[in-house]
Amino acid sequence: MSLNTSTSADGTTFSIHVKGKFDFNLVQDFRLAYANVSSEVSTVIVDLRETEYMDSSALGMLLNMQKLLSEKVSLFKISNCRPQIKKILQISRFDKKFDID
């Protein structure tokens, strides 16, 4: 499992890429990933293209990130979900809080 971040060339989009399992083992790394997000960032994307598994602690991490950044970030997206992960997000009603594609 691993976590990578990137920022768009214009500095307005911050992305977190989760590879492998998105679970309790990533709590510290995930928190550190968005800890110093620039005030210019208006969109945060969590890219789950390479995520094979997600548990309830991952849902909590996403909510904590949104709560912490909601003052400066206007759009939170979860992108490239595999069908089983998208189903978890929909059952948990995350489609009400995040833009999921």
PDB file of N, CA and C in Angstrom:
ATOM      1  N   MET A   1       0.836  -1.174   0.000  1.00  0.00           N
ATOM      2  CA  MET A   1       0.000   0.000   0.000  1.00  0.00           C
ATOM      3  C   MET A   1       0.880   1.236   0.000  1.00  0.00           C
ATOM      4  N   SER A   2       0.414   2.264  -0.690  1.00  0.00           N
ATOM      5  CA  SER A   2       1.172   3.503  -0.692  1.00  0.00           C
ATOM      6  C   SER A   2       0.266   4.679  -1.014  1.00  0.00           C
ATOM      7  N   LEU A   3       0.812   5.839  -0.822  1.00  0.00           N
ATOM      8  CA  LEU A   3       0.060   7.065  -0.992  1.00  0.00           C
ATOM      9  C   LEU A   3       0.969   8.085  -1.678  1.00  0.00           C
ATOM     10  N   ASN A   4       0.468   8.725  -2.732  1.00  0.00           N
ATOM     11  CA  ASN A   4       1.216   9.767  -3.418  1.00  0.00           C
ATOM     12  C   ASN A   4       0.325  10.984  -3.562  1.00  0.00           C
ATOM     13  N   THR A   5       0.940  12.152  -3.606  1.00  0.00           N
ATOM     14  CA  THR A   5       0.177  13.374  -3.795  1.00  0.00           C
ATOM     15  C   THR A   5       0.725  14.152  -4.979  1.00  0.00           C
ATOM     16  N   SER A   6      -0.113  15.009  -5.534  1.00  0.00           N
ATOM     17  CA  SER A   6       0.321  15.900  -6.609  1.00  0.00           C
ATOM     18  C   SER A   6      -0.559  17.140  -6.596  1.00  0.00           C
ATOM     19  N   THR A   7      -0.027  18.207  -7.159  1.00  0.00           N
ATOM     20  CA  THR A   7      -0.765  19.457  -7.269  1.00  0.00           C
ATOM     21  C   THR A   7      -0.739  19.878  -8.730  1.00  0.00           C
ATOM     22  N   SER A   8      -1.857  20.387  -9.218  1.00  0.00           N
ATOM     23  CA  SER A   8      -1.933  20.813 -10.613  1.00  0.00           C
ATOM     24  C   SER A   8      -0.977  21.980 -10.870  1.00  0.00           C
ATOM     25  N   ALA A   9      -0.658  22.206 -12.125  1.00  0.00           N
ATOM     26  CA  ALA A   9       0.285  23.260 -12.508  1.00  0.00           C
ATOM     27  C   ALA A   9      -0.167  24.639 -12.021  1.00  0.00           C
ATOM     28  N   ASP A  10      -1.477  24.895 -12.028  1.00  0.00           N
ATOM     29  CA  ASP A  10      -1.965  26.200 -11.592  1.00  0.00           C
ATOM     30  C   ASP A  10      -2.176  26.280 -10.070  1.00  0.00           C
ATOM     31  N   GLY A  11      -1.944  25.154  -9.367  1.00  0.00           N
ATOM     32  CA  GLY A  11      -2.014  25.144  -7.910  1.00  0.00           C
ATOM     33  C   GLY A  11      -3.407  25.081  -7.312  1.00  0.00           C
ATOM     34  N   THR A  12      -4.428  24.885  -8.139  1.00  0.00           N
ATOM     35  CA  THR A  12      -5.800  24.895  -7.613  1.00  0.00           C
ATOM     36  C   THR A  12      -6.363  23.506  -7.319  1.00  0.00           C
ATOM     37  N   THR A  13      -5.707  22.461  -7.808  1.00  0.00           N
ATOM     38  CA  THR A  13      -6.197  21.096  -7.595  1.00  0.00           C
ATOM     39  C   THR A  13      -5.115  20.261  -6.918  1.00  0.00           C
ATOM     40  N   PHE A  14      -5.495  19.654  -5.801  1.00  0.00           N
ATOM     41  CA  PHE A  14      -4.593  18.792  -5.042  1.00  0.00           C
ATOM     42  C   PHE A  14      -5.132  17.371  -5.128  1.00  0.00           C
ATOM     43  N   SER A  15      -4.282  16.417  -5.476  1.00  0.00           N
ATOM     44  CA  SER A  15      -4.714  15.022  -5.623  1.00  0.00           C
ATOM     45  C   SER A  15      -3.951  14.109  -4.673  1.00  0.00           C
ATOM     46  N   ILE A  16      -4.699  13.147  -4.120  1.00  0.00           N
ATOM     47  CA  ILE A  16      -4.115  12.092  -3.300  1.00  0.00           C
ATOM     48  C   ILE A  16      -4.417  10.775  -4.010  1.00  0.00           C
ATOM     49  N   HIS A  17      -3.380  10.010  -4.314  1.00  0.00           N
ATOM     50  CA  HIS A  17      -3.526   8.727  -4.999  1.00  0.00           C
ATOM     51  C   HIS A  17      -3.260   7.608  -3.998  1.00  0.00           C
ATOM     52  N   VAL A  18      -4.252   6.746  -3.811  1.00  0.00           N
ATOM     53  CA  VAL A  18      -4.121   5.638  -2.858  1.00  0.00           C
ATOM     54  C   VAL A  18      -3.940   4.345  -3.646  1.00  0.00           C
ATOM     55  N   LYS A  19      -2.880   3.617  -3.322  1.00  0.00           N
ATOM     56  CA  LYS A  19      -2.592   2.364  -4.014  1.00  0.00           C
ATOM     57  C   LYS A  19      -2.654   1.212  -3.013  1.00  0.00           C
ATOM     58  N   GLY A  20      -3.364   0.140  -3.387  1.00  0.00           N
ATOM     59  CA  GLY A  20      -3.465  -1.024  -2.505  1.00  0.00           C
ATOM     60  C   GLY A  20      -4.663  -0.923  -1.586  1.00  0.00           C
ATOM     61  N   LYS A  21      -4.433  -1.142  -0.295  1.00  0.00           N
ATOM     62  CA  LYS A  21      -5.519  -1.115   0.686  1.00  0.00           C
ATOM     63  C   LYS A  21      -5.624   0.263   1.328  1.00  0.00           C
ATOM     64  N   PHE A  22      -6.846   0.791   1.345  1.00  0.00           N
ATOM     65  CA  PHE A  22      -7.126   2.069   2.006  1.00  0.00           C
ATOM     66  C   PHE A  22      -7.773   1.707   3.329  1.00  0.00           C
ATOM     67  N   ASP A  23      -6.943   1.562   4.367  1.00  0.00           N
ATOM     68  CA  ASP A  23      -7.444   1.122   5.665  1.00  0.00           C
ATOM     69  C   ASP A  23      -6.698   1.817   6.798  1.00  0.00           C
ATOM     70  N   PHE A  24      -6.891   1.328   8.007  1.00  0.00           N
ATOM     71  CA  PHE A  24      -6.347   1.951   9.212  1.00  0.00           C
ATOM     72  C   PHE A  24      -4.836   2.181   9.144  1.00  0.00           C
ATOM     73  N   ASN A  25      -4.127   1.344   8.417  1.00  0.00           N
ATOM     74  CA  ASN A  25      -2.669   1.474   8.316  1.00  0.00           C
ATOM     75  C   ASN A  25      -2.235   2.770   7.637  1.00  0.00           C
ATOM     76  N   LEU A  26      -3.143   3.430   6.945  1.00  0.00           N
ATOM     77  CA  LEU A  26      -2.808   4.669   6.240  1.00  0.00           C
ATOM     78  C   LEU A  26      -3.211   5.936   7.000  1.00  0.00           C
ATOM     79  N   VAL A  27      -3.730   5.808   8.204  1.00  0.00           N
ATOM     80  CA  VAL A  27      -4.237   6.976   8.934  1.00  0.00           C
ATOM     81  C   VAL A  27      -3.202   8.100   8.984  1.00  0.00           C
ATOM     82  N   GLN A  28      -2.017   7.830   9.484  1.00  0.00           N
ATOM     83  CA  GLN A  28      -0.989   8.872   9.613  1.00  0.00           C
ATOM     84  C   GLN A  28      -0.575   9.431   8.261  1.00  0.00           C
ATOM     85  N   ASP A  29      -0.287   8.563   7.309  1.00  0.00           N
ATOM     86  CA  ASP A  29       0.156   9.007   5.985  1.00  0.00           C
ATOM     87  C   ASP A  29      -0.913   9.849   5.297  1.00  0.00           C
ATOM     88  N   PHE A  30      -2.167   9.427   5.422  1.00  0.00           N
ATOM     89  CA  PHE A  30      -3.255  10.163   4.774  1.00  0.00           C
ATOM     90  C   PHE A  30      -3.398  11.546   5.405  1.00  0.00           C
ATOM     91  N   ARG A  31      -3.340  11.616   6.709  1.00  0.00           N
ATOM     92  CA  ARG A  31      -3.452  12.900   7.410  1.00  0.00           C
ATOM     93  C   ARG A  31      -2.310  13.827   7.015  1.00  0.00           C
ATOM     94  N   LEU A  32      -1.101  13.290   6.961  1.00  0.00           N
ATOM     95  CA  LEU A  32       0.057  14.096   6.577  1.00  0.00           C
ATOM     96  C   LEU A  32      -0.027  14.564   5.122  1.00  0.00           C
ATOM     97  N   ALA A  33      -0.658  13.765   4.275  1.00  0.00           N
ATOM     98  CA  ALA A  33      -0.748  14.095   2.850  1.00  0.00           C
ATOM     99  C   ALA A  33      -1.449  15.428   2.613  1.00  0.00           C
ATOM    100  N   TYR A  34      -2.494  15.713   3.378  1.00  0.00           N
ATOM    101  CA  TYR A  34      -3.250  16.945   3.150  1.00  0.00           C
ATOM    102  C   TYR A  34      -3.007  18.014   4.222  1.00  0.00           C
ATOM    103  N   ALA A  35      -2.102  17.756   5.141  1.00  0.00           N
ATOM    104  CA  ALA A  35      -1.874  18.667   6.265  1.00  0.00           C
ATOM    105  C   ALA A  35      -1.452  20.074   5.841  1.00  0.00           C
ATOM    106  N   ASN A  36      -0.686  20.186   4.784  1.00  0.00           N
ATOM    107  CA  ASN A  36      -0.166  21.493   4.370  1.00  0.00           C
ATOM    108  C   ASN A  36      -0.686  21.925   3.009  1.00  0.00           C
ATOM    109  N   VAL A  37      -1.948  21.665   2.767  1.00  0.00           N
ATOM    110  CA  VAL A  37      -2.536  22.053   1.485  1.00  0.00           C
ATOM    111  C   VAL A  37      -2.553  23.577   1.381  1.00  0.00           C
ATOM    112  N   SER A  38      -2.118  24.062   0.241  1.00  0.00           N
ATOM    113  CA  SER A  38      -2.042  25.504  -0.018  1.00  0.00           C
ATOM    114  C   SER A  38      -3.419  26.153   0.011  1.00  0.00           C
ATOM    115  N   SER A  39      -3.456  27.415   0.365  1.00  0.00           N
ATOM    116  CA  SER A  39      -4.729  28.150   0.403  1.00  0.00           C
ATOM    117  C   SER A  39      -5.285  28.408  -0.998  1.00  0.00           C
ATOM    118  N   GLU A  40      -4.466  28.216  -2.039  1.00  0.00           N
ATOM    119  CA  GLU A  40      -4.936  28.382  -3.415  1.00  0.00           C
ATOM    120  C   GLU A  40      -5.750  27.181  -3.906  1.00  0.00           C
ATOM    121  N   VAL A  41      -5.634  26.061  -3.210  1.00  0.00           N
ATOM    122  CA  VAL A  41      -6.327  24.841  -3.631  1.00  0.00           C
ATOM    123  C   VAL A  41      -7.832  25.003  -3.420  1.00  0.00           C
ATOM    124  N   SER A  42      -8.605  24.747  -4.500  1.00  0.00           N
ATOM    125  CA  SER A  42     -10.066  24.816  -4.405  1.00  0.00           C
ATOM    126  C   SER A  42     -10.704  23.444  -4.606  1.00  0.00           C
ATOM    127  N   THR A  43      -9.927  22.492  -5.141  1.00  0.00           N
ATOM    128  CA  THR A  43     -10.439  21.146  -5.397  1.00  0.00           C
ATOM    129  C   THR A  43      -9.466  20.108  -4.854  1.00  0.00           C
ATOM    130  N   VAL A  44     -10.005  19.137  -4.117  1.00  0.00           N
ATOM    131  CA  VAL A  44      -9.206  18.002  -3.648  1.00  0.00           C
ATOM    132  C   VAL A  44      -9.778  16.751  -4.289  1.00  0.00           C
ATOM    133  N   ILE A  45      -8.902  15.983  -4.926  1.00  0.00           N
ATOM    134  CA  ILE A  45      -9.304  14.733  -5.569  1.00  0.00           C
ATOM    135  C   ILE A  45      -8.608  13.573  -4.859  1.00  0.00           C
ATOM    136  N   VAL A  46      -9.397  12.589  -4.446  1.00  0.00           N
ATOM    137  CA  VAL A  46      -8.839  11.349  -3.912  1.00  0.00           C
ATOM    138  C   VAL A  46      -9.002  10.319  -5.025  1.00  0.00           C
ATOM    139  N   ASP A  47      -7.886   9.945  -5.616  1.00  0.00           N
ATOM    140  CA  ASP A  47      -7.887   9.031  -6.761  1.00  0.00           C
ATOM    141  C   ASP A  47      -7.730   7.596  -6.258  1.00  0.00           C
ATOM    142  N   LEU A  48      -8.771   6.797  -6.485  1.00  0.00           N
ATOM    143  CA  LEU A  48      -8.771   5.410  -6.003  1.00  0.00           C
ATOM    144  C   LEU A  48      -8.575   4.399  -7.141  1.00  0.00           C
ATOM    145  N   ARG A  49      -7.978   4.847  -8.226  1.00  0.00           N
ATOM    146  CA  ARG A  49      -7.746   3.992  -9.399  1.00  0.00           C
ATOM    147  C   ARG A  49      -7.038   2.686  -9.038  1.00  0.00           C
ATOM    148  N   GLU A  50      -6.063   2.761  -8.140  1.00  0.00           N
ATOM    149  CA  GLU A  50      -5.274   1.577  -7.783  1.00  0.00           C
ATOM    150  C   GLU A  50      -5.606   1.049  -6.389  1.00  0.00           C
ATOM    151  N   THR A  51      -6.771   1.424  -5.880  1.00  0.00           N
ATOM    152  CA  THR A  51      -7.199   0.975  -4.554  1.00  0.00           C
ATOM    153  C   THR A  51      -8.012  -0.307  -4.692  1.00  0.00           C
ATOM    154  N   GLU A  52      -7.561  -1.348  -4.007  1.00  0.00           N
ATOM    155  CA  GLU A  52      -8.210  -2.651  -4.107  1.00  0.00           C
ATOM    156  C   GLU A  52      -9.228  -2.889  -3.002  1.00  0.00           C
ATOM    157  N   TYR A  53      -9.074  -2.167  -1.889  1.00  0.00           N
ATOM    158  CA  TYR A  53      -9.875  -2.450  -0.697  1.00  0.00           C
ATOM    159  C   TYR A  53     -10.037  -1.161   0.097  1.00  0.00           C
ATOM    160  N   MET A  54     -11.206  -0.984   0.694  1.00  0.00           N
ATOM    161  CA  MET A  54     -11.466   0.170   1.540  1.00  0.00           C
ATOM    162  C   MET A  54     -12.305  -0.286   2.722  1.00  0.00           C
ATOM    163  N   ASP A  55     -11.951   0.170   3.930  1.00  0.00           N
ATOM    164  CA  ASP A  55     -12.756  -0.197   5.100  1.00  0.00           C
ATOM    165  C   ASP A  55     -13.344   1.051   5.758  1.00  0.00           C
ATOM    166  N   SER A  56     -14.004   0.868   6.883  1.00  0.00           N
ATOM    167  CA  SER A  56     -14.691   1.984   7.536  1.00  0.00           C
ATOM    168  C   SER A  56     -13.725   3.055   8.028  1.00  0.00           C
ATOM    169  N   SER A  57     -12.504   2.690   8.363  1.00  0.00           N
ATOM    170  CA  SER A  57     -11.552   3.713   8.799  1.00  0.00           C
ATOM    171  C   SER A  57     -11.194   4.643   7.636  1.00  0.00           C
ATOM    172  N   ALA A  58     -11.197   4.132   6.421  1.00  0.00           N
ATOM    173  CA  ALA A  58     -10.957   4.978   5.244  1.00  0.00           C
ATOM    174  C   ALA A  58     -12.090   5.988   5.088  1.00  0.00           C
ATOM    175  N   LEU A  59     -13.314   5.556   5.342  1.00  0.00           N
ATOM    176  CA  LEU A  59     -14.451   6.482   5.277  1.00  0.00           C
ATOM    177  C   LEU A  59     -14.271   7.598   6.308  1.00  0.00           C
ATOM    178  N   GLY A  60     -13.831   7.224   7.497  1.00  0.00           N
ATOM    179  CA  GLY A  60     -13.572   8.208   8.543  1.00  0.00           C
ATOM    180  C   GLY A  60     -12.469   9.178   8.148  1.00  0.00           C
ATOM    181  N   MET A  61     -11.434   8.672   7.507  1.00  0.00           N
ATOM    182  CA  MET A  61     -10.327   9.529   7.065  1.00  0.00           C
ATOM    183  C   MET A  61     -10.813  10.549   6.039  1.00  0.00           C
ATOM    184  N   LEU A  62     -11.676  10.099   5.128  1.00  0.00           N
ATOM    185  CA  LEU A  62     -12.221  11.011   4.123  1.00  0.00           C
ATOM    186  C   LEU A  62     -13.061  12.104   4.774  1.00  0.00           C
ATOM    187  N   LEU A  63     -13.888  11.734   5.746  1.00  0.00           N
ATOM    188  CA  LEU A  63     -14.713  12.719   6.444  1.00  0.00           C
ATOM    189  C   LEU A  63     -13.866  13.707   7.242  1.00  0.00           C
ATOM    190  N   ASN A  64     -12.830  13.208   7.898  1.00  0.00           N
ATOM    191  CA  ASN A  64     -11.942  14.094   8.656  1.00  0.00           C
ATOM    192  C   ASN A  64     -11.235  15.082   7.735  1.00  0.00           C
ATOM    193  N   MET A  65     -10.787  14.600   6.582  1.00  0.00           N
ATOM    194  CA  MET A  65     -10.134  15.483   5.620  1.00  0.00           C
ATOM    195  C   MET A  65     -11.093  16.579   5.177  1.00  0.00           C
ATOM    196  N   GLN A  66     -12.318  16.180   4.856  1.00  0.00           N
ATOM    197  CA  GLN A  66     -13.305  17.156   4.398  1.00  0.00           C
ATOM    198  C   GLN A  66     -13.596  18.189   5.489  1.00  0.00           C
ATOM    199  N   LYS A  67     -13.735  17.724   6.698  1.00  0.00           N
ATOM    200  CA  LYS A  67     -14.030  18.627   7.819  1.00  0.00           C
ATOM    201  C   LYS A  67     -12.899  19.636   8.024  1.00  0.00           C
ATOM    202  N   LEU A  68     -11.671  19.154   7.968  1.00  0.00           N
ATOM    203  CA  LEU A  68     -10.521  20.015   8.198  1.00  0.00           C
ATOM    204  C   LEU A  68     -10.314  21.033   7.074  1.00  0.00           C
ATOM    205  N   LEU A  69     -10.572  20.623   5.839  1.00  0.00           N
ATOM    206  CA  LEU A  69     -10.285  21.493   4.689  1.00  0.00           C
ATOM    207  C   LEU A  69     -11.491  22.279   4.184  1.00  0.00           C
ATOM    208  N   SER A  70     -12.654  22.066   4.751  1.00  0.00           N
ATOM    209  CA  SER A  70     -13.875  22.670   4.207  1.00  0.00           C
ATOM    210  C   SER A  70     -13.868  24.199   4.209  1.00  0.00           C
ATOM    211  N   GLU A  71     -13.054  24.810   5.059  1.00  0.00           N
ATOM    212  CA  GLU A  71     -12.954  26.274   5.078  1.00  0.00           C
ATOM    213  C   GLU A  71     -12.348  26.824   3.787  1.00  0.00           C
ATOM    214  N   LYS A  72     -11.353  26.098   3.228  1.00  0.00           N
ATOM    215  CA  LYS A  72     -10.664  26.630   2.054  1.00  0.00           C
ATOM    216  C   LYS A  72     -10.927  25.877   0.758  1.00  0.00           C
ATOM    217  N   VAL A  73     -11.397  24.655   0.833  1.00  0.00           N
ATOM    218  CA  VAL A  73     -11.634  23.854  -0.375  1.00  0.00           C
ATOM    219  C   VAL A  73     -13.126  23.798  -0.676  1.00  0.00           C
ATOM    220  N   SER A  74     -13.495  24.064  -1.922  1.00  0.00           N
ATOM    221  CA  SER A  74     -14.915  24.102  -2.268  1.00  0.00           C
ATOM    222  C   SER A  74     -15.428  22.791  -2.871  1.00  0.00           C
ATOM    223  N   LEU A  75     -14.526  21.969  -3.447  1.00  0.00           N
ATOM    224  CA  LEU A  75     -14.970  20.736  -4.097  1.00  0.00           C
ATOM    225  C   LEU A  75     -14.090  19.568  -3.678  1.00  0.00           C
ATOM    226  N   PHE A  76     -14.740  18.501  -3.243  1.00  0.00           N
ATOM    227  CA  PHE A  76     -14.055  17.256  -2.884  1.00  0.00           C
ATOM    228  C   PHE A  76     -14.534  16.176  -3.840  1.00  0.00           C
ATOM    229  N   LYS A  77     -13.587  15.534  -4.539  1.00  0.00           N
ATOM    230  CA  LYS A  77     -13.941  14.491  -5.492  1.00  0.00           C
ATOM    231  C   LYS A  77     -13.268  13.179  -5.109  1.00  0.00           C
ATOM    232  N   ILE A  78     -13.988  12.091  -5.333  1.00  0.00           N
ATOM    233  CA  ILE A  78     -13.410  10.753  -5.221  1.00  0.00           C
ATOM    234  C   ILE A  78     -13.514  10.184  -6.626  1.00  0.00           C
ATOM    235  N   SER A  79     -12.377   9.871  -7.216  1.00  0.00           N
ATOM    236  CA  SER A  79     -12.405   9.476  -8.628  1.00  0.00           C
ATOM    237  C   SER A  79     -11.821   8.090  -8.874  1.00  0.00           C
ATOM    238  N   ASN A  80     -12.202   7.550 -10.022  1.00  0.00           N
ATOM    239  CA  ASN A  80     -11.696   6.272 -10.536  1.00  0.00           C
ATOM    240  C   ASN A  80     -11.913   5.089  -9.587  1.00  0.00           C
ATOM    241  N   CYS A  81     -13.098   5.032  -8.995  1.00  0.00           N
ATOM    242  CA  CYS A  81     -13.420   3.949  -8.056  1.00  0.00           C
ATOM    243  C   CYS A  81     -13.707   2.647  -8.795  1.00  0.00           C
ATOM    244  N   ARG A  82     -13.254   1.556  -8.241  1.00  0.00           N
ATOM    245  CA  ARG A  82     -13.658   0.232  -8.736  1.00  0.00           C
ATOM    246  C   ARG A  82     -15.110   0.019  -8.294  1.00  0.00           C
ATOM    247  N   PRO A  83     -15.852  -0.835  -8.994  1.00  0.00           N
ATOM    248  CA  PRO A  83     -17.280  -1.010  -8.679  1.00  0.00           C
ATOM    249  C   PRO A  83     -17.571  -1.334  -7.215  1.00  0.00           C
ATOM    250  N   GLN A  84     -16.781  -2.219  -6.601  1.00  0.00           N
ATOM    251  CA  GLN A  84     -17.065  -2.596  -5.213  1.00  0.00           C
ATOM    252  C   GLN A  84     -16.810  -1.430  -4.258  1.00  0.00           C
ATOM    253  N   ILE A  85     -15.846  -0.585  -4.555  1.00  0.00           N
ATOM    254  CA  ILE A  85     -15.565   0.578  -3.708  1.00  0.00           C
ATOM    255  C   ILE A  85     -16.635   1.642  -3.915  1.00  0.00           C
ATOM    256  N   LYS A  86     -17.065   1.815  -5.144  1.00  0.00           N
ATOM    257  CA  LYS A  86     -18.126   2.781  -5.426  1.00  0.00           C
ATOM    258  C   LYS A  86     -19.404   2.384  -4.683  1.00  0.00           C
ATOM    259  N   LYS A  87     -19.669   1.086  -4.606  1.00  0.00           N
ATOM    260  CA  LYS A  87     -20.850   0.597  -3.904  1.00  0.00           C
ATOM    261  C   LYS A  87     -20.766   0.914  -2.407  1.00  0.00           C
ATOM    262  N   ILE A  88     -19.580   0.728  -1.809  1.00  0.00           N
ATOM    263  CA  ILE A  88     -19.377   1.061  -0.388  1.00  0.00           C
ATOM    264  C   ILE A  88     -19.661   2.537  -0.166  1.00  0.00           C
ATOM    265  N   LEU A  89     -19.148   3.384  -1.053  1.00  0.00           N
ATOM    266  CA  LEU A  89     -19.338   4.830  -0.925  1.00  0.00           C
ATOM    267  C   LEU A  89     -20.809   5.214  -1.068  1.00  0.00           C
ATOM    268  N   GLN A  90     -21.509   4.557  -1.981  1.00  0.00           N
ATOM    269  CA  GLN A  90     -22.928   4.867  -2.182  1.00  0.00           C
ATOM    270  C   GLN A  90     -23.771   4.380  -1.002  1.00  0.00           C
ATOM    271  N   ILE A  91     -23.491   3.191  -0.503  1.00  0.00           N
ATOM    272  CA  ILE A  91     -24.224   2.661   0.647  1.00  0.00           C
ATOM    273  C   ILE A  91     -24.014   3.562   1.861  1.00  0.00           C
ATOM    274  N   SER A  92     -22.809   4.111   1.991  1.00  0.00           N
ATOM    275  CA  SER A  92     -22.474   5.006   3.105  1.00  0.00           C
ATOM    276  C   SER A  92     -22.932   6.443   2.851  1.00  0.00           C
ATOM    277  N   ARG A  93     -23.593   6.664   1.724  1.00  0.00           N
ATOM    278  CA  ARG A  93     -24.143   7.970   1.333  1.00  0.00           C
ATOM    279  C   ARG A  93     -23.073   9.049   1.157  1.00  0.00           C
ATOM    280  N   PHE A  94     -21.880   8.620   0.766  1.00  0.00           N
ATOM    281  CA  PHE A  94     -20.810   9.568   0.513  1.00  0.00           C
ATOM    282  C   PHE A  94     -21.057  10.373  -0.756  1.00  0.00           C
ATOM    283  N   ASP A  95     -21.967   9.888  -1.591  1.00  0.00           N
ATOM    284  CA  ASP A  95     -22.298  10.639  -2.808  1.00  0.00           C
ATOM    285  C   ASP A  95     -23.012  11.953  -2.469  1.00  0.00           C
ATOM    286  N   LYS A  96     -23.441  12.106  -1.216  1.00  0.00           N
ATOM    287  CA  LYS A  96     -24.066  13.357  -0.763  1.00  0.00           C
ATOM    288  C   LYS A  96     -23.025  14.387  -0.333  1.00  0.00           C
ATOM    289  N   LYS A  97     -21.841  13.908   0.049  1.00  0.00           N
ATOM    290  CA  LYS A  97     -20.793  14.793   0.552  1.00  0.00           C
ATOM    291  C   LYS A  97     -19.630  14.987  -0.427  1.00  0.00           C
ATOM    292  N   PHE A  98     -19.441  14.030  -1.326  1.00  0.00           N
ATOM    293  CA  PHE A  98     -18.349  14.055  -2.270  1.00  0.00           C
ATOM    294  C   PHE A  98     -18.881  13.899  -3.686  1.00  0.00           C
ATOM    295  N   ASP A  99     -18.153  14.459  -4.641  1.00  0.00           N
ATOM    296  CA  ASP A  99     -18.447  14.234  -6.048  1.00  0.00           C
ATOM    297  C   ASP A  99     -17.732  12.936  -6.414  1.00  0.00           C
ATOM    298  N   ILE A 100     -18.487  11.877  -6.712  1.00  0.00           N
ATOM    299  CA  ILE A 100     -17.890  10.568  -6.980  1.00  0.00           C
ATOM    300  C   ILE A 100     -18.028  10.235  -8.463  1.00  0.00           C
ATOM    301  N   ASP A 101     -16.896   9.874  -9.084  1.00  0.00           N
ATOM    302  CA  ASP A 101     -16.959   9.436 -10.493  1.00  0.00           C
ATOM    303  C   ASP A 101     -16.134   8.193 -10.702  1.00  0.00           C
TER     304      ASP A 101
END
